[in-house]
Amino acid sequence: MFVTHFYENKTSVLSQLLVSLPAVEENIKIKGRKAKVVQVAQIDNNNYHVRIIFEKLPKKVPLKDLGKKKR
């Protein structure tokens, strides 16, 4: 069992107790968002820091007809 801390930039996203570690360039899902593992660093015997990058979400385009009245 490994204590795994997931980081995006310098922000801690998630800490988990895992049986197997994620591999570099592996696609994973954290809190419902797709992410890619960039780096896995061993800190202690059972502690690991995993650097991830979340997939960019496209911004939603607002509706064009907001000023018109409904019939």
PDB file of N, CA and C in Angstrom:
ATOM      1  N   MET A   1       0.837  -1.177   0.000  1.00  0.00           N
ATOM      2  CA  MET A   1       0.000   0.000   0.000  1.00  0.00           C
ATOM      3  C   MET A   1       0.882   1.241   0.000  1.00  0.00           C
ATOM      4  N   PHE A   2       0.508   2.206  -0.839  1.00  0.00           N
ATOM      5  CA  PHE A   2       1.288   3.423  -0.981  1.00  0.00           C
ATOM      6  C   PHE A   2       0.406   4.635  -0.707  1.00  0.00           C
ATOM      7  N   VAL A   3       0.941   5.613   0.009  1.00  0.00           N
ATOM      8  CA  VAL A   3       0.252   6.885   0.206  1.00  0.00           C
ATOM      9  C   VAL A   3       0.618   7.751  -0.994  1.00  0.00           C
ATOM     10  N   THR A   4      -0.389   8.117  -1.777  1.00  0.00           N
ATOM     11  CA  THR A   4      -0.159   8.837  -3.022  1.00  0.00           C
ATOM     12  C   THR A   4      -0.810  10.208  -2.937  1.00  0.00           C
ATOM     13  N   HIS A   5      -0.024  11.257  -3.176  1.00  0.00           N
ATOM     14  CA  HIS A   5      -0.505  12.636  -3.177  1.00  0.00           C
ATOM     15  C   HIS A   5      -0.480  13.135  -4.620  1.00  0.00           C
ATOM     16  N   PHE A   6      -1.633  13.575  -5.125  1.00  0.00           N
ATOM     17  CA  PHE A   6      -1.735  14.086  -6.484  1.00  0.00           C
ATOM     18  C   PHE A   6      -1.658  15.614  -6.437  1.00  0.00           C
ATOM     19  N   TYR A   7      -0.789  16.195  -7.282  1.00  0.00           N
ATOM     20  CA  TYR A   7      -0.582  17.643  -7.325  1.00  0.00           C
ATOM     21  C   TYR A   7      -0.757  18.150  -8.748  1.00  0.00           C
ATOM     22  N   GLU A   8      -1.472  19.278  -8.867  1.00  0.00           N
ATOM     23  CA  GLU A   8      -1.507  20.024 -10.118  1.00  0.00           C
ATOM     24  C   GLU A   8      -0.803  21.339  -9.836  1.00  0.00           C
ATOM     25  N   ASN A   9       0.300  21.611 -10.537  1.00  0.00           N
ATOM     26  CA  ASN A   9       1.206  22.718 -10.230  1.00  0.00           C
ATOM     27  C   ASN A   9       1.666  22.552  -8.784  1.00  0.00           C
ATOM     28  N   LYS A  10       1.345  23.480  -7.890  1.00  0.00           N
ATOM     29  CA  LYS A  10       1.727  23.341  -6.483  1.00  0.00           C
ATOM     30  C   LYS A  10       0.517  23.083  -5.592  1.00  0.00           C
ATOM     31  N   THR A  11      -0.631  22.809  -6.201  1.00  0.00           N
ATOM     32  CA  THR A  11      -1.873  22.608  -5.473  1.00  0.00           C
ATOM     33  C   THR A  11      -2.140  21.124  -5.263  1.00  0.00           C
ATOM     34  N   SER A  12      -2.379  20.747  -4.014  1.00  0.00           N
ATOM     35  CA  SER A  12      -2.724  19.369  -3.704  1.00  0.00           C
ATOM     36  C   SER A  12      -4.170  19.116  -4.124  1.00  0.00           C
ATOM     37  N   VAL A  13      -4.368  18.124  -4.963  1.00  0.00           N
ATOM     38  CA  VAL A  13      -5.697  17.819  -5.484  1.00  0.00           C
ATOM     39  C   VAL A  13      -6.339  16.678  -4.719  1.00  0.00           C
ATOM     40  N   LEU A  14      -5.542  15.624  -4.413  1.00  0.00           N
ATOM     41  CA  LEU A  14      -6.102  14.427  -3.808  1.00  0.00           C
ATOM     42  C   LEU A  14      -4.996  13.637  -3.124  1.00  0.00           C
ATOM     43  N   SER A  15      -5.324  13.011  -2.014  1.00  0.00           N
ATOM     44  CA  SER A  15      -4.416  12.081  -1.342  1.00  0.00           C
ATOM     45  C   SER A  15      -5.144  10.749  -1.193  1.00  0.00           C
ATOM     46  N   GLN A  16      -4.492   9.675  -1.622  1.00  0.00           N
ATOM     47  CA  GLN A  16      -5.125   8.363  -1.610  1.00  0.00           C
ATOM     48  C   GLN A  16      -4.153   7.306  -1.123  1.00  0.00           C
ATOM     49  N   LEU A  17      -4.712   6.225  -0.632  1.00  0.00           N
ATOM     50  CA  LEU A  17      -3.949   5.038  -0.282  1.00  0.00           C
ATOM     51  C   LEU A  17      -4.188   4.037  -1.406  1.00  0.00           C
ATOM     52  N   LEU A  18      -3.145   3.774  -2.216  1.00  0.00           N
ATOM     53  CA  LEU A  18      -3.291   2.935  -3.406  1.00  0.00           C
ATOM     54  C   LEU A  18      -2.464   1.663  -3.297  1.00  0.00           C
ATOM     55  N   VAL A  19      -2.917   0.623  -3.980  1.00  0.00           N
ATOM     56  CA  VAL A  19      -2.182  -0.636  -4.045  1.00  0.00           C
ATOM     57  C   VAL A  19      -1.124  -0.551  -5.144  1.00  0.00           C
ATOM     58  N   SER A  20      -1.468   0.056  -6.286  1.00  0.00           N
ATOM     59  CA  SER A  20      -0.517   0.198  -7.391  1.00  0.00           C
ATOM     60  C   SER A  20      -0.422   1.665  -7.786  1.00  0.00           C
ATOM     61  N   LEU A  21       0.765   2.091  -8.175  1.00  0.00           N
ATOM     62  CA  LEU A  21       1.003   3.479  -8.546  1.00  0.00           C
ATOM     63  C   LEU A  21       0.669   3.719 -10.008  1.00  0.00           C
ATOM     64  N   PRO A  22       0.212   4.926 -10.373  1.00  0.00           N
ATOM     65  CA  PRO A  22      -0.015   5.228 -11.786  1.00  0.00           C
ATOM     66  C   PRO A  22       1.317   5.402 -12.521  1.00  0.00           C
ATOM     67  N   ALA A  23       1.328   5.083 -13.793  1.00  0.00           N
ATOM     68  CA  ALA A  23       2.533   5.217 -14.608  1.00  0.00           C
ATOM     69  C   ALA A  23       2.562   6.592 -15.267  1.00  0.00           C
ATOM     70  N   VAL A  24       3.760   7.012 -15.669  1.00  0.00           N
ATOM     71  CA  VAL A  24       3.918   8.288 -16.368  1.00  0.00           C
ATOM     72  C   VAL A  24       3.222   8.182 -17.723  1.00  0.00           C
ATOM     73  N   GLU A  25       2.585   9.278 -18.161  1.00  0.00           N
ATOM     74  CA  GLU A  25       1.815   9.362 -19.407  1.00  0.00           C
ATOM     75  C   GLU A  25       0.519   8.553 -19.365  1.00  0.00           C
ATOM     76  N   GLU A  26       0.109   8.096 -18.191  1.00  0.00           N
ATOM     77  CA  GLU A  26      -1.149   7.351 -18.060  1.00  0.00           C
ATOM     78  C   GLU A  26      -2.294   8.342 -17.894  1.00  0.00           C
ATOM     79  N   ASN A  27      -3.414   8.053 -18.538  1.00  0.00           N
ATOM     80  CA  ASN A  27      -4.612   8.873 -18.383  1.00  0.00           C
ATOM     81  C   ASN A  27      -5.408   8.349 -17.202  1.00  0.00           C
ATOM     82  N   ILE A  28      -5.749   9.249 -16.279  1.00  0.00           N
ATOM     83  CA  ILE A  28      -6.525   8.874 -15.097  1.00  0.00           C
ATOM     84  C   ILE A  28      -7.685   9.848 -14.941  1.00  0.00           C
ATOM     85  N   LYS A  29      -8.599   9.509 -14.049  1.00  0.00           N
ATOM     86  CA  LYS A  29      -9.752  10.364 -13.775  1.00  0.00           C
ATOM     87  C   LYS A  29      -9.766  10.676 -12.290  1.00  0.00           C
ATOM     88  N   ILE A  30      -9.723  11.984 -11.950  1.00  0.00           N
ATOM     89  CA  ILE A  30      -9.729  12.425 -10.559  1.00  0.00           C
ATOM     90  C   ILE A  30     -10.875  13.406 -10.383  1.00  0.00           C
ATOM     91  N   LYS A  31     -11.748  13.115  -9.446  1.00  0.00           N
ATOM     92  CA  LYS A  31     -12.893  13.965  -9.134  1.00  0.00           C
ATOM     93  C   LYS A  31     -13.733  14.270 -10.381  1.00  0.00           C
ATOM     94  N   GLY A  32     -13.872  13.293 -11.260  1.00  0.00           N
ATOM     95  CA  GLY A  32     -14.700  13.450 -12.447  1.00  0.00           C
ATOM     96  C   GLY A  32     -14.034  14.202 -13.585  1.00  0.00           C
ATOM     97  N   ARG A  33     -12.761  14.521 -13.456  1.00  0.00           N
ATOM     98  CA  ARG A  33     -12.040  15.251 -14.504  1.00  0.00           C
ATOM     99  C   ARG A  33     -10.908  14.388 -15.043  1.00  0.00           C
ATOM    100  N   LYS A  34     -10.694  14.438 -16.343  1.00  0.00           N
ATOM    101  CA  LYS A  34      -9.633  13.662 -16.970  1.00  0.00           C
ATOM    102  C   LYS A  34      -8.298  14.345 -16.728  1.00  0.00           C
ATOM    103  N   ALA A  35      -7.282  13.544 -16.418  1.00  0.00           N
ATOM    104  CA  ALA A  35      -5.950  14.079 -16.148  1.00  0.00           C
ATOM    105  C   ALA A  35      -4.901  13.146 -16.733  1.00  0.00           C
ATOM    106  N   LYS A  36      -3.695  13.686 -16.911  1.00  0.00           N
ATOM    107  CA  LYS A  36      -2.571  12.916 -17.422  1.00  0.00           C
ATOM    108  C   LYS A  36      -1.429  13.010 -16.428  1.00  0.00           C
ATOM    109  N   VAL A  37      -0.817  11.868 -16.117  1.00  0.00           N
ATOM    110  CA  VAL A  37       0.291  11.818 -15.165  1.00  0.00           C
ATOM    111  C   VAL A  37       1.554  12.315 -15.861  1.00  0.00           C
ATOM    112  N   VAL A  38       2.227  13.287 -15.228  1.00  0.00           N
ATOM    113  CA  VAL A  38       3.439  13.867 -15.790  1.00  0.00           C
ATOM    114  C   VAL A  38       4.676  13.293 -15.110  1.00  0.00           C
ATOM    115  N   GLN A  39       4.627  13.154 -13.779  1.00  0.00           N
ATOM    116  CA  GLN A  39       5.805  12.725 -13.031  1.00  0.00           C
ATOM    117  C   GLN A  39       5.366  11.971 -11.785  1.00  0.00           C
ATOM    118  N   VAL A  40       6.125  10.947 -11.410  1.00  0.00           N
ATOM    119  CA  VAL A  40       5.911  10.213 -10.168  1.00  0.00           C
ATOM    120  C   VAL A  40       7.223  10.248  -9.388  1.00  0.00           C
ATOM    121  N   ALA A  41       7.175  10.829  -8.174  1.00  0.00           N
ATOM    122  CA  ALA A  41       8.384  10.966  -7.363  1.00  0.00           C
ATOM    123  C   ALA A  41       8.189  10.242  -6.037  1.00  0.00           C
ATOM    124  N   GLN A  42       9.194   9.453  -5.645  1.00  0.00           N
ATOM    125  CA  GLN A  42       9.155   8.748  -4.366  1.00  0.00           C
ATOM    126  C   GLN A  42       9.758   9.643  -3.294  1.00  0.00           C
ATOM    127  N   ILE A  43       9.006   9.869  -2.205  1.00  0.00           N
ATOM    128  CA  ILE A  43       9.468  10.714  -1.111  1.00  0.00           C
ATOM    129  C   ILE A  43      10.063   9.856   0.003  1.00  0.00           C
ATOM    130  N   ASP A  44       9.291   8.927   0.506  1.00  0.00           N
ATOM    131  CA  ASP A  44       9.737   7.994   1.532  1.00  0.00           C
ATOM    132  C   ASP A  44       9.544   6.572   1.012  1.00  0.00           C
ATOM    133  N   ASN A  45       9.574   5.624   1.945  1.00  0.00           N
ATOM    134  CA  ASN A  45       9.372   4.229   1.583  1.00  0.00           C
ATOM    135  C   ASN A  45       7.982   3.991   0.992  1.00  0.00           C
ATOM    136  N   ASN A  46       6.951   4.623   1.570  1.00  0.00           N
ATOM    137  CA  ASN A  46       5.578   4.417   1.120  1.00  0.00           C
ATOM    138  C   ASN A  46       4.893   5.682   0.646  1.00  0.00           C
ATOM    139  N   ASN A  47       5.586   6.819   0.584  1.00  0.00           N
ATOM    140  CA  ASN A  47       4.985   8.089   0.178  1.00  0.00           C
ATOM    141  C   ASN A  47       5.444   8.469  -1.223  1.00  0.00           C
ATOM    142  N   TYR A  48       4.466   8.830  -2.071  1.00  0.00           N
ATOM    143  CA  TYR A  48       4.749   9.216  -3.453  1.00  0.00           C
ATOM    144  C   TYR A  48       4.018  10.501  -3.782  1.00  0.00           C
ATOM    145  N   HIS A  49       4.656  11.365  -4.584  1.00  0.00           N
ATOM    146  CA  HIS A  49       4.024  12.567  -5.124  1.00  0.00           C
ATOM    147  C   HIS A  49       3.842  12.351  -6.621  1.00  0.00           C
ATOM    148  N   VAL A  50       2.606  12.554  -7.083  1.00  0.00           N
ATOM    149  CA  VAL A  50       2.285  12.372  -8.494  1.00  0.00           C
ATOM    150  C   VAL A  50       1.868  13.725  -9.053  1.00  0.00           C
ATOM    151  N   ARG A  51       2.592  14.206 -10.066  1.00  0.00           N
ATOM    152  CA  ARG A  51       2.258  15.466 -10.735  1.00  0.00           C
ATOM    153  C   ARG A  51       1.335  15.153 -11.905  1.00  0.00           C
ATOM    154  N   ILE A  52       0.232  15.928 -12.016  1.00  0.00           N
ATOM    155  CA  ILE A  52      -0.750  15.696 -13.068  1.00  0.00           C
ATOM    156  C   ILE A  52      -1.062  17.005 -13.781  1.00  0.00           C
ATOM    157  N   ILE A  53      -1.656  16.876 -14.965  1.00  0.00           N
ATOM    158  CA  ILE A  53      -2.179  18.018 -15.712  1.00  0.00           C
ATOM    159  C   ILE A  53      -3.608  17.665 -16.100  1.00  0.00           C
ATOM    160  N   PHE A  54      -4.562  18.529 -15.711  1.00  0.00           N
ATOM    161  CA  PHE A  54      -5.956  18.303 -16.071  1.00  0.00           C
ATOM    162  C   PHE A  54      -6.199  18.706 -17.513  1.00  0.00           C
ATOM    163  N   GLU A  55      -7.159  18.025 -18.149  1.00  0.00           N
ATOM    164  CA  GLU A  55      -7.554  18.361 -19.507  1.00  0.00           C
ATOM    165  C   GLU A  55      -8.313  19.678 -19.478  1.00  0.00           C
ATOM    166  N   LYS A  56      -8.014  20.550 -20.416  1.00  0.00           N
ATOM    167  CA  LYS A  56      -8.681  21.851 -20.478  1.00  0.00           C
ATOM    168  C   LYS A  56     -10.124  21.671 -20.925  1.00  0.00           C
ATOM    169  N   LEU A  57     -11.049  22.284 -20.185  1.00  0.00           N
ATOM    170  CA  LEU A  57     -12.459  22.218 -20.518  1.00  0.00           C
ATOM    171  C   LEU A  57     -12.816  23.395 -21.416  1.00  0.00           C
ATOM    172  N   PRO A  58     -13.523  23.156 -22.528  1.00  0.00           N
ATOM    173  CA  PRO A  58     -13.925  24.277 -23.387  1.00  0.00           C
ATOM    174  C   PRO A  58     -14.993  25.118 -22.686  1.00  0.00           C
ATOM    175  N   LYS A  59     -14.877  26.424 -22.863  1.00  0.00           N
ATOM    176  CA  LYS A  59     -15.864  27.315 -22.242  1.00  0.00           C
ATOM    177  C   LYS A  59     -17.168  27.236 -23.019  1.00  0.00           C
ATOM    178  N   LYS A  60     -18.273  27.301 -22.282  1.00  0.00           N
ATOM    179  CA  LYS A  60     -19.587  27.223 -22.906  1.00  0.00           C
ATOM    180  C   LYS A  60     -19.948  28.581 -23.496  1.00  0.00           C
ATOM    181  N   VAL A  61     -20.487  28.564 -24.703  1.00  0.00           N
ATOM    182  CA  VAL A  61     -20.896  29.789 -25.386  1.00  0.00           C
ATOM    183  C   VAL A  61     -22.295  30.152 -24.897  1.00  0.00           C
ATOM    184  N   PRO A  62     -22.498  31.409 -24.474  1.00  0.00           N
ATOM    185  CA  PRO A  62     -23.838  31.792 -24.014  1.00  0.00           C
ATOM    186  C   PRO A  62     -24.834  31.816 -25.178  1.00  0.00           C
ATOM    187  N   LEU A  63     -26.107  31.698 -24.835  1.00  0.00           N
ATOM    188  CA  LEU A  63     -27.153  31.714 -25.850  1.00  0.00           C
ATOM    189  C   LEU A  63     -27.219  33.085 -26.512  1.00  0.00           C
ATOM    190  N   LYS A  64     -27.531  33.107 -27.815  1.00  0.00           N
ATOM    191  CA  LYS A  64     -27.557  34.362 -28.569  1.00  0.00           C
ATOM    192  C   LYS A  64     -28.845  35.147 -28.360  1.00  0.00           C
ATOM    193  N   ASP A  65     -29.947  34.464 -28.114  1.00  0.00           N
ATOM    194  CA  ASP A  65     -31.250  35.108 -28.057  1.00  0.00           C
ATOM    195  C   ASP A  65     -31.689  35.445 -26.629  1.00  0.00           C
ATOM    196  N   LEU A  66     -30.804  35.938 -25.803  1.00  0.00           N
ATOM    197  CA  LEU A  66     -31.193  36.247 -24.429  1.00  0.00           C
ATOM    198  C   LEU A  66     -32.045  37.511 -24.355  1.00  0.00           C
ATOM    199  N   GLY A  67     -31.901  38.448 -25.281  1.00  0.00           N
ATOM    200  CA  GLY A  67     -32.638  39.705 -25.242  1.00  0.00           C
ATOM    201  C   GLY A  67     -34.043  39.614 -25.799  1.00  0.00           C
ATOM    202  N   LYS A  68     -34.360  38.558 -26.531  1.00  0.00           N
ATOM    203  CA  LYS A  68     -35.685  38.424 -27.147  1.00  0.00           C
ATOM    204  C   LYS A  68     -36.674  37.848 -26.154  1.00  0.00           C
ATOM    205  N   LYS A  69     -37.920  38.283 -26.268  1.00  0.00           N
ATOM    206  CA  LYS A  69     -38.973  37.764 -25.405  1.00  0.00           C
ATOM    207  C   LYS A  69     -39.479  36.426 -25.933  1.00  0.00           C
ATOM    208  N   LYS A  70     -39.883  35.592 -25.011  1.00  0.00           N
ATOM    209  CA  LYS A  70     -40.471  34.301 -25.377  1.00  0.00           C
ATOM    210  C   LYS A  70     -41.945  34.502 -25.724  1.00  0.00           C
ATOM    211  N   ARG A  71     -42.442  33.737 -26.646  1.00  0.00           N
ATOM    212  CA  ARG A  71     -43.863  33.838 -27.011  1.00  0.00           C
ATOM    213  C   ARG A  71     -44.653  32.770 -26.307  1.00  0.00           C
TER     214      ARG A  71
END
